[in-house]
Amino acid sequence: MASVRQLKGLKSRISVVLGVVTITGLVLWNTELPKASKQNCDRECHELDWPLICRYKIVLETQKIQNNCQKCSSNNQTECQHDIYCDRFSEKIITANRQVPGPSIRVCENDIMVIDIVNRIPGHSVSVHWRGQWQKETPVMDGAPMVTQCPILPHTTFQYKFRAAQAGTHWWQILSGDELSDRVYGSFIVKQSKRREPHASIYDYDEIPHVLLVEYTTISQNGINEMRINGVESNTSITVQSNSKYRFRTINTGGVSQCPIEIKVHKHHLTVIAIDGHAIEPKPVDVIQVEPGETLDFILTTIKNQGIYDMTVTSEGHCKDSNHTHTLYIHYNSTLYNTISDTDNLAKPAEYGERHLSITSLDSLPYELSAVELKNTIYLGFSSIKYQLGEGSWSLPNFNNMTMVLPSAPLLLQQPEDVIVCNAENVPLKCRSSITSCECTHIIDLPLGSATELVIFDTEHTLFKTDRSHSFYLHGHSFYVVGQKSKAFVKSADHAKKLDSDSHLVHRKLDRSVLKNTVVVPAAGVSVVRFIADNPGYWLFRSEKTSEWSSGLSLIFRVSNPSGSFPQVPEDFPKCGNFIGPEFFLA
C-alpha cells in the first residue's frame, strides 16, 4: 500500500512539474527574445518582455561655421536644424552625428545599451556621461574622466555597455572640461511598462515631439546668448487632440548661462508628475519651473474647445533681465474654435529657493534617513579665490578651500602614486599655512550603506556679492532634498556647524521629500540632501557649470565595502597615466 501511495504521489508531482514546464514554455514562446543588435528600441514597453540589446553609434566631430550663414537664416531654419548648427559668430562647434543637439535615445527599462562613441575631434579628448543612470553593475561606464575612465582619445572609439536600469527622463552629455562641448548632448528617455509606470493612467500620449530639450548658445562675439529648443531657434508648433492628456518631458541643459526657465501654457492646466526621472505626487500648477541640469515631466490637459495657444518658455532667475523667450504653438487639429474661460484656480508656483519642498514624493523617506540628525553629516561651502592676471582676473573655485585636481589616472582603475588626496581630516602639509585655495584631489570616504547628509552652502555671496544660484549634480546616486533656504549668509564650514547645532541654519523636511540627482543652492543660501551610499565606486559630485567643475568645483565620494574592493574592471579596459621612461635611452 505504501508503495502505491508513493507511486501516486510521484505521478502527482510529475504532473505539477510538467504543468509548470508547459506554462513556462508557452510564456517563453510568446515572449520576444533579446536581439543581437537593434538600432531603434523605441517601442511600447511590457514587463514580461525580454530586454533588448540596443546598439547606437555617436560620431563626434567638429564643423566649421561660416559667418553670416545664409542657410540657417530665420526664413529657412528647417533646412539645417538637424544637419548643421548655424551659429553666426562661432568658428567651429562639436556635433554628434552632424546634429546639435545629438541623437535622442528612447529605450525600455532594463534594456542593454551598447553605444559606440567615435571621437573624430582633432586634439580633443572626451568622455560621455549618462545622466540619471547609477551604473551599479558597471561603474567603469559612468563616463567621469580620470575618475572612472581615461578620456576617449582623438580618432579612437570607446564602447559603453550598461543596463538602462533607472527609468525616467534623462539625458547624455559630453564631459571634457572644455566649454566648447557644452552643446553636445541628447535626450535619454527610459520608459516603463504601463503596469510599472506610476502615472500611466493619467495621460494618453508620450511621444517624441513632446520632449523639450532646452539649451542656451552664444550668438555673438559680445557673449549674448539665445534660447533654443531641440536645436531650433525660431518658434515651433505642436499638434494636439482635444480632450486629451499629453506627457511632456523637459530637459534644461543649462549650458554656459545656467539659466532657470519657466513654462506657461495659455489657458491650460499643467500637472507636474516627475522630476529628475523620479515620480512625484501629481501637482497642478500654472507655471512650470526647471532649474539648470534638471529634468521635469508634466501633463498638458487639452480642452474640448479648439484653437492655437501659446506655450512660452522664458529665462528666469539671474537670466530674467535677458528676456530669453521661446514660444511653441499648441495647435488643435480642428477648424472649430470656441471661447474658453481662464483657469485662474490653479495652484501658484513656489518661490525658487523653496520649490522642491512644496513637491512630495510618492514614497516616504527611507528609515535610515528619517532621523532628525545623521551621524555622517558633511558640510560643504563653495566659493572662488580670485587672482589677477595682467589687466584681467581668473578664479579658482573650491569646496571648503579645496580646489579639485583630477588624478593622472582613473581612480577606479588604479591609485596613482603622485595623487595628493585631501579632505577635512587630511589637509596636505603644503596647504596648512596657506590662506589661498589648496589644489589637491578631494576625496571623501563613505562606508558602504552609510546614511549621509550633505549641507551645501554658498559663501560666494558674502565675498563677491553675486546673485546667481548654483546647481550641483551627483554621479552614481540620487538624493532626497530635505532642506533649502535663501539668504543664509554662511561664512564657513565651522560657521555652518555652529548655526546648525543652534537650529538656526535650515529646517529639514523629513516627510516624503523629493528624490533627485541635481540640487539647487540659492544665492547666499543653503541646501540639504540625504542619500544612502549603497553604490560601491568613485562618484563625482560637481557643479553643473563646465567652467566651474573643470576648474576645481567638484569632489569625489569613494564608497567602499569593508574589504575595500569595487566591482571588477574588464581586463582590456584602456589605461592611461604618467610616462617617465628610463633615465637614459638614447644610444
Protein backbone atom coordinates (compact mmCIF):
# COMPACT_ATOMS: atom_id res chain seq x y z
CA MET A 1 0.00 0.00 0.00
CA ALA A 2 2.80 2.37 0.86
CA SER A 3 4.44 1.83 -2.50
CA VAL A 4 1.12 2.54 -4.30
CA ARG A 5 0.68 5.79 -2.38
CA GLN A 6 4.29 6.73 -3.16
CA LEU A 7 3.69 5.98 -6.85
CA LYS A 8 0.56 8.15 -6.89
CA GLY A 9 2.45 10.95 -5.12
CA LEU A 10 5.26 10.69 -7.66
CA LYS A 11 2.77 10.87 -10.54
CA SER A 12 1.15 13.90 -8.94
CA ARG A 13 4.50 15.69 -8.57
CA ILE A 14 5.43 14.81 -12.16
CA SER A 15 2.10 16.27 -13.35
CA VAL A 16 2.77 19.50 -11.45
CA VAL A 17 6.29 19.76 -12.88
CA LEU A 18 5.05 19.10 -16.42
CA GLY A 19 2.36 21.74 -15.95
CA VAL A 20 4.91 24.32 -14.79
CA VAL A 21 7.23 23.43 -17.68
CA THR A 22 4.34 23.72 -20.16
CA ILE A 23 3.30 27.13 -18.84
CA THR A 24 6.92 28.35 -18.81
CA GLY A 25 7.37 27.12 -22.37
CA LEU A 26 4.27 28.97 -23.52
CA VAL A 27 5.45 32.19 -21.84
CA LEU A 28 8.91 31.90 -23.41
CA TRP A 29 7.44 31.01 -26.81
CA ASN A 30 5.29 34.13 -26.82
CA THR A 31 7.98 36.43 -25.38
CA GLU A 32 10.38 38.24 -27.66
CA LEU A 33 13.97 37.11 -27.12
CA PRO A 34 16.85 39.59 -26.91
CA LYS A 35 18.04 40.78 -30.28
CA ALA A 36 21.73 40.60 -31.13
CA SER A 37 21.54 44.15 -32.39
CA LYS A 38 18.72 46.66 -32.61
CA GLN A 39 19.25 50.31 -33.50
CA ASN A 40 15.75 51.54 -32.68
CA CYS A 41 14.47 50.26 -29.35
CA ASP A 42 11.61 52.77 -29.07
CA ARG A 43 8.51 50.65 -28.55
CA GLU A 44 5.67 50.03 -26.14
CA CYS A 45 7.27 48.54 -23.05
CA HIS A 46 5.95 45.42 -21.36
CA GLU A 47 7.22 43.96 -18.09
CA LEU A 48 7.19 40.37 -19.45
CA ASP A 49 9.31 41.17 -22.50
CA TRP A 50 12.98 40.27 -22.55
CA PRO A 51 15.26 43.33 -22.52
CA LEU A 52 16.58 44.31 -25.93
CA ILE A 53 20.22 44.89 -26.77
CA CYS A 54 20.14 48.42 -28.15
CA ARG A 55 23.04 49.49 -30.37
CA TYR A 56 23.83 53.10 -31.15
CA LYS A 57 26.74 54.87 -32.76
CA ILE A 58 27.52 58.50 -31.97
CA VAL A 59 30.24 60.18 -34.02
CA LEU A 60 31.70 63.34 -32.54
CA GLU A 61 33.39 65.78 -34.90
CA THR A 62 33.96 69.48 -35.42
CA GLN A 63 32.14 71.54 -38.00
CA LYS A 64 33.36 74.86 -39.30
CA ILE A 65 30.75 77.57 -39.38
CA GLN A 66 30.77 80.47 -41.80
CA ASN A 67 29.96 83.95 -40.60
CA ASN A 68 26.57 85.27 -41.71
CA CYS A 69 25.44 81.78 -42.64
CA GLN A 70 22.61 82.10 -45.11
CA LYS A 71 21.46 78.50 -44.95
CA CYS A 72 20.23 78.89 -41.39
CA SER A 73 18.53 82.21 -41.75
CA SER A 74 15.29 82.73 -39.88
CA ASN A 75 13.38 82.17 -43.12
CA ASN A 76 14.99 78.83 -43.82
CA GLN A 77 15.65 77.30 -40.39
CA THR A 78 14.16 73.88 -41.09
CA GLU A 79 16.74 73.08 -43.79
CA CYS A 80 19.62 72.86 -41.38
CA GLN A 81 18.39 72.27 -37.87
CA HIS A 82 19.44 68.60 -37.87
CA ASP A 83 22.37 68.71 -40.32
CA ILE A 84 24.45 71.71 -39.36
CA TYR A 85 24.13 74.06 -36.45
CA CYS A 86 24.32 77.65 -37.66
CA ASP A 87 25.98 79.78 -35.01
CA ARG A 88 26.56 83.03 -36.81
CA PHE A 89 29.63 84.16 -34.88
CA SER A 90 31.46 80.93 -33.96
CA GLU A 91 34.30 79.46 -35.98
CA LYS A 92 33.60 75.84 -35.09
CA ILE A 93 31.34 73.64 -33.00
CA ILE A 94 31.24 69.97 -31.98
CA THR A 95 28.43 67.90 -33.44
CA ALA A 96 27.12 64.40 -32.70
CA ASN A 97 26.20 62.55 -35.90
CA ARG A 98 26.33 66.01 -37.50
CA GLN A 99 23.50 67.17 -35.28
CA VAL A 100 23.15 69.61 -32.41
CA PRO A 101 21.61 68.51 -30.14
CA GLY A 102 22.85 64.97 -30.60
CA PRO A 103 20.66 61.95 -31.36
CA SER A 104 17.85 61.10 -28.96
CA ILE A 105 17.72 57.69 -27.30
CA ARG A 106 14.41 56.09 -26.27
CA VAL A 107 14.50 52.61 -24.73
CA CYS A 108 12.64 50.50 -22.18
CA GLU A 109 13.63 49.92 -18.59
CA ASN A 110 16.47 47.35 -18.23
CA ASP A 111 17.36 47.34 -21.93
CA ILE A 112 21.08 46.68 -22.51
CA MET A 113 22.81 49.69 -24.05
CA VAL A 114 25.75 49.19 -26.42
CA ILE A 115 26.84 52.64 -27.59
CA ASP A 116 29.94 53.32 -29.69
CA ILE A 117 31.38 56.81 -29.18
CA VAL A 118 33.64 57.66 -32.11
CA ASN A 119 35.85 60.66 -31.39
CA ARG A 120 36.85 62.46 -34.59
CA ILE A 121 37.65 65.76 -32.88
CA PRO A 122 41.30 66.62 -33.60
CA GLY A 123 43.31 67.17 -30.44
CA HIS A 124 40.29 66.88 -28.15
CA SER A 125 39.70 64.04 -25.66
CA VAL A 126 36.20 63.46 -24.29
CA SER A 127 34.03 61.09 -22.30
CA VAL A 128 30.25 60.67 -22.21
CA HIS A 129 28.14 60.58 -19.06
CA TRP A 130 24.67 59.00 -18.98
CA ARG A 131 22.83 61.18 -16.51
CA GLY A 132 20.47 59.51 -14.07
CA GLN A 133 21.94 56.03 -14.60
CA TRP A 134 23.53 54.84 -11.35
CA GLN A 135 25.75 52.23 -13.05
CA LYS A 136 25.54 49.87 -10.07
CA GLU A 137 26.71 46.93 -12.17
CA THR A 138 29.13 48.88 -14.34
CA PRO A 139 30.82 51.83 -12.57
CA VAL A 140 33.50 51.97 -15.28
CA MET A 141 30.76 53.10 -17.69
CA ASP A 142 29.90 56.26 -15.72
CA GLY A 143 31.93 58.45 -18.08
CA ALA A 144 33.66 60.63 -15.45
CA PRO A 145 37.09 61.50 -16.94
CA MET A 146 40.07 60.45 -14.79
CA VAL A 147 37.68 59.09 -12.17
CA THR A 148 36.12 56.03 -13.82
CA GLN A 149 37.84 56.03 -17.22
CA CYS A 150 40.53 57.62 -19.35
CA PRO A 151 39.15 60.21 -21.77
CA ILE A 152 38.48 58.93 -25.29
CA LEU A 153 41.45 59.99 -27.39
CA PRO A 154 41.00 61.60 -30.84
CA HIS A 155 40.40 59.13 -33.67
CA THR A 156 39.53 56.29 -31.30
CA THR A 157 36.29 54.53 -30.34
CA PHE A 158 35.03 53.69 -26.86
CA GLN A 159 32.08 51.34 -26.40
CA TYR A 160 29.79 51.95 -23.44
CA LYS A 161 27.87 48.91 -22.23
CA PHE A 162 25.39 49.21 -19.39
CA ARG A 163 21.85 48.45 -18.33
CA ALA A 164 19.28 51.29 -18.53
CA ALA A 165 18.08 50.43 -15.03
CA GLN A 166 16.77 53.84 -13.96
CA ALA A 167 13.55 54.76 -15.76
CA GLY A 168 12.53 58.35 -16.46
CA THR A 169 13.54 61.44 -18.37
CA HIS A 170 17.33 61.70 -18.56
CA TRP A 171 19.99 62.98 -20.95
CA TRP A 172 23.53 62.21 -22.02
CA GLN A 173 26.31 64.78 -22.17
CA ILE A 174 29.97 65.12 -23.05
CA LEU A 175 32.40 65.72 -20.19
CA SER A 176 35.67 67.21 -21.37
CA GLY A 177 36.26 70.24 -19.18
CA ASP A 178 36.01 72.42 -22.29
CA GLU A 179 33.07 74.77 -22.73
CA LEU A 180 33.16 74.01 -26.45
CA SER A 181 31.50 70.70 -25.55
CA ASP A 182 28.72 72.33 -23.52
CA ARG A 183 26.40 71.98 -26.51
CA VAL A 184 26.93 68.26 -27.12
CA TYR A 185 24.13 66.27 -25.53
CA GLY A 186 20.91 64.47 -26.31
CA SER A 187 17.80 63.22 -24.57
CA PHE A 188 17.90 59.75 -23.00
CA ILE A 189 14.37 58.52 -22.26
CA VAL A 190 13.96 55.24 -20.37
CA LYS A 191 10.31 54.21 -20.48
CA GLN A 192 8.41 51.78 -18.27
CA SER A 193 5.57 49.38 -18.89
CA LYS A 194 2.12 50.70 -18.06
CA ARG A 195 1.95 48.43 -15.03
CA ARG A 196 5.22 49.81 -13.61
CA GLU A 197 4.77 53.47 -14.58
CA PRO A 198 3.06 55.14 -11.57
CA HIS A 199 1.24 57.76 -13.66
CA ALA A 200 0.42 55.78 -16.81
CA SER A 201 -3.32 56.02 -16.15
CA ILE A 202 -3.42 59.83 -16.13
CA TYR A 203 -2.02 60.61 -19.58
CA ASP A 204 -2.77 59.44 -23.11
CA TYR A 205 0.33 60.34 -25.15
CA ASP A 206 4.08 60.14 -24.51
CA GLU A 207 5.78 60.80 -27.83
CA ILE A 208 8.97 62.21 -29.35
CA PRO A 209 7.54 65.67 -30.24
CA HIS A 210 6.77 66.22 -26.56
CA VAL A 211 10.42 66.13 -25.44
CA LEU A 212 11.69 69.68 -24.88
CA LEU A 213 15.49 69.89 -24.78
CA VAL A 214 16.24 73.48 -23.76
CA GLU A 215 19.69 74.96 -24.37
CA TYR A 216 21.43 78.31 -24.44
CA THR A 217 24.06 79.20 -27.02
CA THR A 218 26.25 82.23 -27.68
CA ILE A 219 25.25 84.02 -30.87
CA SER A 220 27.61 86.98 -30.87
CA GLN A 221 31.19 87.94 -30.10
CA ASN A 222 29.83 90.04 -27.24
CA GLY A 223 28.69 86.93 -25.40
CA ILE A 224 24.95 87.42 -25.96
CA ASN A 225 23.05 84.15 -25.55
CA GLU A 226 19.83 82.84 -27.01
CA MET A 227 17.49 80.01 -26.14
CA ARG A 228 16.91 77.05 -28.44
CA ILE A 229 14.54 74.13 -28.02
CA ASN A 230 15.53 70.87 -29.71
CA GLY A 231 18.14 72.84 -31.66
CA VAL A 232 15.61 75.24 -33.17
CA GLU A 233 15.93 78.98 -32.62
CA SER A 234 12.65 80.10 -34.14
CA ASN A 235 9.24 79.32 -32.68
CA THR A 236 7.66 75.95 -33.48
CA SER A 237 4.26 74.26 -33.20
CA ILE A 238 2.91 71.07 -31.66
CA THR A 239 -0.34 69.49 -32.86
CA VAL A 240 -2.68 68.05 -30.22
CA GLN A 241 -6.12 66.42 -30.00
CA SER A 242 -8.91 67.89 -27.89
CA ASN A 243 -9.89 66.31 -24.55
CA SER A 244 -6.54 64.51 -24.23
CA LYS A 245 -3.59 64.44 -21.87
CA TYR A 246 -0.02 64.74 -23.11
CA ARG A 247 3.13 63.91 -21.18
CA PHE A 248 5.84 66.49 -21.83
CA ARG A 249 9.44 65.72 -20.85
CA THR A 250 11.52 68.86 -20.25
CA ILE A 251 15.32 68.91 -20.03
CA ASN A 252 17.11 72.12 -19.05
CA THR A 253 20.74 71.60 -20.10
CA GLY A 254 21.77 74.92 -18.57
CA GLY A 255 24.76 75.49 -20.86
CA VAL A 256 27.12 78.40 -20.29
CA SER A 257 24.38 80.68 -18.93
CA GLN A 258 22.96 78.17 -16.39
CA CYS A 259 19.56 79.87 -16.66
CA PRO A 260 16.46 78.61 -14.83
CA ILE A 261 13.40 78.50 -17.08
CA GLU A 262 9.64 78.88 -16.67
CA ILE A 263 6.97 77.27 -18.84
CA LYS A 264 3.41 78.54 -19.19
CA VAL A 265 0.59 77.43 -21.48
CA HIS A 266 -2.13 79.98 -22.10
CA LYS A 267 -5.45 78.89 -20.53
CA HIS A 268 -4.44 75.27 -19.95
CA HIS A 269 -3.95 73.02 -16.95
CA LEU A 270 -0.46 71.66 -16.25
CA THR A 271 0.34 68.86 -13.80
CA VAL A 272 3.88 68.06 -12.66
CA ILE A 273 4.40 64.28 -12.32
CA ALA A 274 8.17 63.65 -12.21
CA ILE A 275 11.46 65.40 -11.58
CA ASP A 276 14.97 64.13 -12.41
CA GLY A 277 13.43 60.84 -13.52
CA HIS A 278 11.61 60.20 -10.23
CA ALA A 279 7.81 60.17 -9.99
CA ILE A 280 6.13 62.54 -7.53
CA GLU A 281 2.61 63.16 -6.31
CA PRO A 282 0.83 64.90 -9.24
CA LYS A 283 0.83 68.64 -8.56
CA PRO A 284 -1.39 71.06 -10.54
CA VAL A 285 0.37 74.34 -11.33
CA ASP A 286 0.05 77.22 -13.74
CA VAL A 287 3.82 77.72 -14.09
CA ILE A 288 6.50 75.05 -14.56
CA GLN A 289 9.94 75.85 -13.15
CA VAL A 290 13.03 73.90 -14.28
CA GLU A 291 16.48 74.62 -12.88
CA PRO A 292 19.76 74.08 -14.80
CA GLY A 293 20.54 70.37 -15.09
CA GLU A 294 17.05 69.31 -14.07
CA THR A 295 14.52 67.26 -15.96
CA LEU A 296 10.82 67.68 -15.28
CA ASP A 297 7.78 65.85 -16.64
CA PHE A 298 4.36 67.46 -16.78
CA ILE A 299 0.97 66.68 -18.26
CA LEU A 300 -0.79 69.12 -20.54
CA THR A 301 -4.55 68.60 -20.42
CA THR A 302 -6.19 69.76 -23.63
CA ILE A 303 -9.71 71.14 -23.72
CA LYS A 304 -12.86 70.49 -25.71
CA ASN A 305 -12.57 73.86 -27.43
CA GLN A 306 -10.28 74.44 -30.37
CA GLY A 307 -7.69 76.99 -31.41
CA ILE A 308 -3.99 77.85 -31.17
CA TYR A 309 -2.45 78.60 -27.77
CA ASP A 310 1.00 79.73 -26.72
CA MET A 311 3.39 77.61 -24.67
CA THR A 312 6.08 80.09 -23.62
CA VAL A 313 9.49 79.07 -22.28
CA THR A 314 11.25 82.03 -20.64
CA SER A 315 14.50 82.53 -18.77
CA GLU A 316 14.22 83.35 -15.08
CA GLY A 317 16.40 83.83 -12.02
CA HIS A 318 19.65 85.65 -12.78
CA CYS A 319 18.79 85.48 -16.52
CA LYS A 320 15.41 87.21 -16.20
CA ASP A 321 16.67 90.55 -17.50
CA SER A 322 17.94 88.85 -20.68
CA ASN A 323 14.32 88.34 -21.81
CA HIS A 324 15.01 84.98 -23.48
CA THR A 325 11.68 83.56 -24.68
CA HIS A 326 10.79 80.67 -26.97
CA THR A 327 7.17 80.13 -27.97
CA LEU A 328 5.71 76.80 -29.00
CA TYR A 329 2.26 77.00 -30.54
CA ILE A 330 -0.17 74.36 -29.25
CA HIS A 331 -2.25 73.77 -32.36
CA TYR A 332 -5.53 71.84 -32.20
CA ASN A 333 -6.14 69.75 -35.29
CA SER A 334 -9.65 71.04 -35.83
CA THR A 335 -11.18 74.04 -37.56
CA LEU A 336 -13.63 74.58 -34.72
CA TYR A 337 -12.96 77.44 -32.32
CA ASN A 338 -14.85 78.45 -29.22
CA THR A 339 -14.15 80.94 -26.49
CA ILE A 340 -12.77 79.37 -23.34
CA SER A 341 -12.59 80.70 -19.81
CA ASP A 342 -9.37 81.41 -17.95
CA THR A 343 -8.17 78.78 -15.50
CA ASP A 344 -7.42 81.07 -12.59
CA ASN A 345 -7.94 78.50 -9.88
CA LEU A 346 -4.69 76.63 -10.37
CA ALA A 347 -2.01 76.33 -7.70
CA LYS A 348 0.59 79.08 -7.77
CA PRO A 349 4.27 78.16 -8.11
CA ALA A 350 6.52 78.18 -5.07
CA GLU A 351 9.46 80.53 -4.75
CA TYR A 352 12.65 79.30 -6.46
CA GLY A 353 14.51 78.65 -3.23
CA GLU A 354 11.67 76.57 -1.76
CA ARG A 355 10.16 74.85 -4.80
CA HIS A 356 11.41 71.35 -4.04
CA LEU A 357 9.97 71.48 -0.54
CA SER A 358 6.49 72.05 -1.96
CA ILE A 359 6.72 68.83 -4.01
CA THR A 360 6.15 65.47 -2.35
CA SER A 361 7.47 62.07 -3.31
CA LEU A 362 5.27 59.01 -3.81
CA ASP A 363 7.14 57.20 -1.04
CA SER A 364 8.27 58.03 2.46
CA LEU A 365 11.89 58.77 3.30
CA PRO A 366 13.84 55.55 3.99
CA TYR A 367 14.07 54.70 7.65
CA GLU A 368 17.86 55.17 7.69
CA LEU A 369 17.45 58.79 6.53
CA SER A 370 14.47 59.77 8.66
CA ALA A 371 16.34 60.64 11.88
CA VAL A 372 16.41 64.28 12.93
CA GLU A 373 20.21 64.17 12.90
CA LEU A 374 22.55 61.89 10.95
CA LYS A 375 25.99 60.92 12.25
CA ASN A 376 27.55 61.27 8.82
CA THR A 377 26.81 64.94 8.06
CA ILE A 378 29.22 66.69 5.69
CA TYR A 379 29.34 70.48 5.42
CA LEU A 380 30.43 71.80 2.02
CA GLY A 381 30.89 75.53 1.45
CA PHE A 382 31.75 76.69 -2.05
CA SER A 383 33.41 79.91 -3.17
CA SER A 384 36.12 81.21 -5.51
CA ILE A 385 39.57 82.62 -4.88
CA LYS A 386 40.19 85.38 -7.41
CA TYR A 387 43.62 86.15 -8.85
CA GLN A 388 44.86 88.97 -11.05
CA LEU A 389 46.20 88.04 -14.46
CA GLY A 390 47.54 91.11 -16.22
CA GLU A 391 44.65 93.50 -16.69
CA GLY A 392 42.10 90.77 -16.11
CA SER A 393 41.48 88.15 -13.44
CA TRP A 394 40.77 84.45 -13.07
CA SER A 395 39.13 82.47 -10.28
CA LEU A 396 39.85 79.16 -8.58
CA PRO A 397 36.57 77.64 -7.30
CA ASN A 398 36.65 75.28 -4.35
CA PHE A 399 34.77 73.30 -1.71
CA ASN A 400 35.96 74.21 1.80
CA ASN A 401 39.04 75.93 0.27
CA MET A 402 40.00 72.72 -1.59
CA THR A 403 40.20 73.02 -5.36
CA MET A 404 39.82 69.68 -7.12
CA VAL A 405 42.74 68.44 -9.22
CA LEU A 406 41.88 65.28 -11.12
CA PRO A 407 44.47 62.48 -10.80
CA SER A 408 46.83 61.33 -13.54
CA ALA A 409 44.98 58.01 -13.89
CA PRO A 410 41.37 56.93 -13.21
CA LEU A 411 40.90 56.17 -9.52
CA LEU A 412 38.59 53.25 -10.22
CA LEU A 413 41.36 51.51 -12.18
CA GLN A 414 44.38 52.27 -10.01
CA GLN A 415 45.64 54.60 -7.30
CA PRO A 416 48.24 56.89 -8.93
CA GLU A 417 51.39 57.34 -6.85
CA ASP A 418 51.53 61.07 -7.43
CA VAL A 419 47.97 61.84 -6.27
CA ILE A 420 47.68 64.24 -3.31
CA VAL A 421 44.47 63.23 -1.52
CA CYS A 422 42.78 65.80 0.68
CA ASN A 423 39.64 66.21 2.76
CA ALA A 424 38.59 67.85 6.02
CA GLU A 425 40.54 65.29 8.08
CA ASN A 426 43.54 65.20 5.76
CA VAL A 427 44.84 68.65 4.82
CA PRO A 428 48.12 68.41 2.85
CA LEU A 429 51.17 69.92 4.53
CA LYS A 430 51.66 72.39 1.68
CA CYS A 431 48.20 73.86 2.37
CA ARG A 432 48.24 74.20 6.15
CA SER A 433 49.99 77.55 6.23
CA SER A 434 48.28 78.98 3.14
CA ILE A 435 45.24 81.22 3.14
CA THR A 436 44.52 80.52 -0.52
CA SER A 437 42.75 77.53 -2.03
CA CYS A 438 44.52 74.18 -1.76
CA GLU A 439 44.85 72.33 -5.07
CA CYS A 440 44.54 68.58 -4.43
CA THR A 441 42.42 65.51 -5.21
CA HIS A 442 39.44 65.99 -2.90
CA ILE A 443 38.15 62.54 -1.88
CA ILE A 444 35.60 61.88 0.88
CA ASP A 445 35.20 58.28 2.08
CA LEU A 446 31.70 56.92 2.65
CA PRO A 447 31.26 53.43 4.13
CA LEU A 448 29.02 51.22 2.02
CA GLY A 449 25.42 51.57 3.17
CA SER A 450 26.05 54.68 5.28
CA ALA A 451 23.27 57.23 5.69
CA THR A 452 24.82 60.50 4.52
CA GLU A 453 23.73 64.12 4.71
CA LEU A 454 25.30 66.90 2.64
CA VAL A 455 24.87 70.50 3.77
CA ILE A 456 25.86 72.62 0.77
CA PHE A 457 26.06 76.39 1.18
CA ASP A 458 27.13 79.42 -0.82
CA THR A 459 29.86 81.58 0.71
CA GLU A 460 30.46 83.32 -2.63
CA HIS A 461 27.78 85.92 -2.00
CA THR A 462 29.42 87.17 1.17
CA LEU A 463 32.72 87.53 -0.68
CA PHE A 464 31.80 88.85 -4.11
CA LYS A 465 28.10 89.83 -3.92
CA THR A 466 26.96 87.58 -6.75
CA ASP A 467 23.26 86.76 -7.08
CA ARG A 468 23.30 83.52 -9.11
CA SER A 469 22.03 80.22 -7.74
CA HIS A 470 24.22 77.15 -8.25
CA SER A 471 23.24 73.66 -9.43
CA PHE A 472 25.19 70.57 -8.35
CA TYR A 473 24.95 67.03 -9.70
CA LEU A 474 25.84 63.69 -8.08
CA HIS A 475 27.03 60.69 -10.10
CA GLY A 476 26.06 57.17 -9.09
CA HIS A 477 23.21 58.06 -6.71
CA SER A 478 20.04 60.05 -6.26
CA PHE A 479 19.33 62.00 -3.09
CA TYR A 480 16.42 63.43 -1.12
CA VAL A 481 16.23 67.22 -0.89
CA VAL A 482 15.25 67.74 2.76
CA GLY A 483 16.08 71.41 3.29
CA GLN A 484 16.60 74.66 1.41
CA LYS A 485 16.96 78.28 2.47
CA SER A 486 17.79 81.54 0.72
CA LYS A 487 19.99 84.28 2.20
CA ALA A 488 21.60 82.18 4.92
CA PHE A 489 24.93 84.07 4.57
CA VAL A 490 27.09 81.23 5.88
CA LYS A 491 30.78 82.11 6.10
CA SER A 492 32.50 78.74 6.53
CA ALA A 493 32.01 75.08 7.43
CA ASP A 494 32.59 75.85 11.11
CA HIS A 495 30.05 78.66 10.93
CA ALA A 496 27.52 76.29 9.31
CA LYS A 497 28.06 73.66 12.03
CA LYS A 498 27.52 76.27 14.75
CA LEU A 499 24.32 77.58 13.16
CA ASP A 500 23.08 74.02 12.65
CA SER A 501 23.76 72.97 16.24
CA ASP A 502 21.79 76.03 17.39
CA SER A 503 18.92 75.14 14.97
CA HIS A 504 19.43 78.42 13.09
CA LEU A 505 20.72 77.10 9.75
CA VAL A 506 17.88 75.37 7.89
CA HIS A 507 14.75 73.36 8.69
CA ARG A 508 14.69 69.74 7.48
CA LYS A 509 11.56 68.36 5.84
CA LEU A 510 11.63 64.62 6.53
CA ASP A 511 8.20 63.65 5.24
CA ARG A 512 8.09 62.37 1.62
CA SER A 513 10.97 64.54 0.45
CA VAL A 514 11.52 64.70 -3.30
CA LEU A 515 14.13 62.35 -4.82
CA LYS A 516 16.54 64.00 -7.30
CA ASN A 517 20.08 63.91 -8.66
CA THR A 518 20.51 67.69 -9.09
CA VAL A 519 20.28 70.16 -6.23
CA VAL A 520 20.00 73.94 -6.46
CA VAL A 521 21.66 76.12 -3.85
CA PRO A 522 20.10 79.61 -3.83
CA ALA A 523 22.36 82.65 -3.90
CA ALA A 524 23.86 83.13 -0.42
CA GLY A 525 21.74 80.15 0.61
CA VAL A 526 21.98 76.56 1.76
CA SER A 527 20.54 73.22 0.63
CA VAL A 528 20.49 69.89 2.48
CA VAL A 529 20.30 66.50 0.79
CA ARG A 530 20.36 62.94 2.14
CA PHE A 531 21.20 59.63 0.48
CA ILE A 532 22.30 56.10 1.28
CA ALA A 533 25.78 55.37 -0.08
CA ASP A 534 24.84 51.94 -1.46
CA ASN A 535 26.78 52.00 -4.74
CA PRO A 536 30.46 50.96 -4.47
CA GLY A 537 32.82 53.05 -6.58
CA TYR A 538 34.23 56.54 -7.09
CA TRP A 539 31.47 59.08 -7.74
CA LEU A 540 31.88 62.67 -8.85
CA PHE A 541 29.93 65.48 -7.18
CA ARG A 542 30.25 68.58 -9.32
CA SER A 543 28.95 71.96 -10.30
CA GLU A 544 26.68 71.92 -13.35
CA LYS A 545 28.71 74.71 -14.95
CA THR A 546 31.56 73.28 -17.01
CA SER A 547 33.95 76.18 -16.39
CA GLU A 548 33.48 75.69 -12.63
CA TRP A 549 33.71 71.91 -12.18
CA SER A 550 36.63 71.61 -14.60
CA SER A 551 38.46 74.36 -12.68
CA GLY A 552 38.01 72.69 -9.33
CA LEU A 553 34.41 72.96 -8.06
CA SER A 554 33.96 69.22 -7.61
CA LEU A 555 34.92 66.38 -5.30
CA ILE A 556 34.82 62.59 -5.28
CA PHE A 557 32.91 60.28 -2.95
CA ARG A 558 34.67 56.96 -2.50
CA VAL A 559 32.05 54.38 -1.50
CA SER A 560 33.73 51.15 -0.43
CA ASN A 561 32.76 47.98 1.39
CA PRO A 562 34.78 46.72 4.39
CA SER A 563 37.14 44.78 2.12
CA GLY A 564 37.83 47.91 0.06
CA SER A 565 37.01 46.16 -3.20
CA PHE A 566 34.98 47.53 -6.12
CA PRO A 567 33.13 45.83 -9.00
CA GLN A 568 35.52 44.12 -11.36
CA VAL A 569 37.05 46.16 -14.19
CA PRO A 570 37.28 44.45 -17.62
CA GLU A 571 40.79 43.12 -18.28
CA ASP A 572 41.22 45.01 -21.53
CA PHE A 573 39.86 48.32 -20.20
CA PRO A 574 42.02 51.19 -21.58
CA LYS A 575 44.66 52.58 -19.24
CA CYS A 576 46.37 55.95 -19.02
CA GLY A 577 48.76 57.76 -16.71
CA ASN A 578 52.25 59.21 -16.43
CA PHE A 579 55.19 58.12 -18.52
CA ILE A 580 58.65 58.97 -17.18
CA GLY A 581 60.76 56.45 -19.05
CA PRO A 582 64.29 55.20 -18.29
CA GLU A 583 66.97 57.65 -17.19
CA PHE A 584 68.92 57.11 -20.43
CA PHE A 585 67.53 55.66 -23.62
CA LEU A 586 69.48 57.31 -26.45
CA ALA A 587 72.42 55.42 -27.89
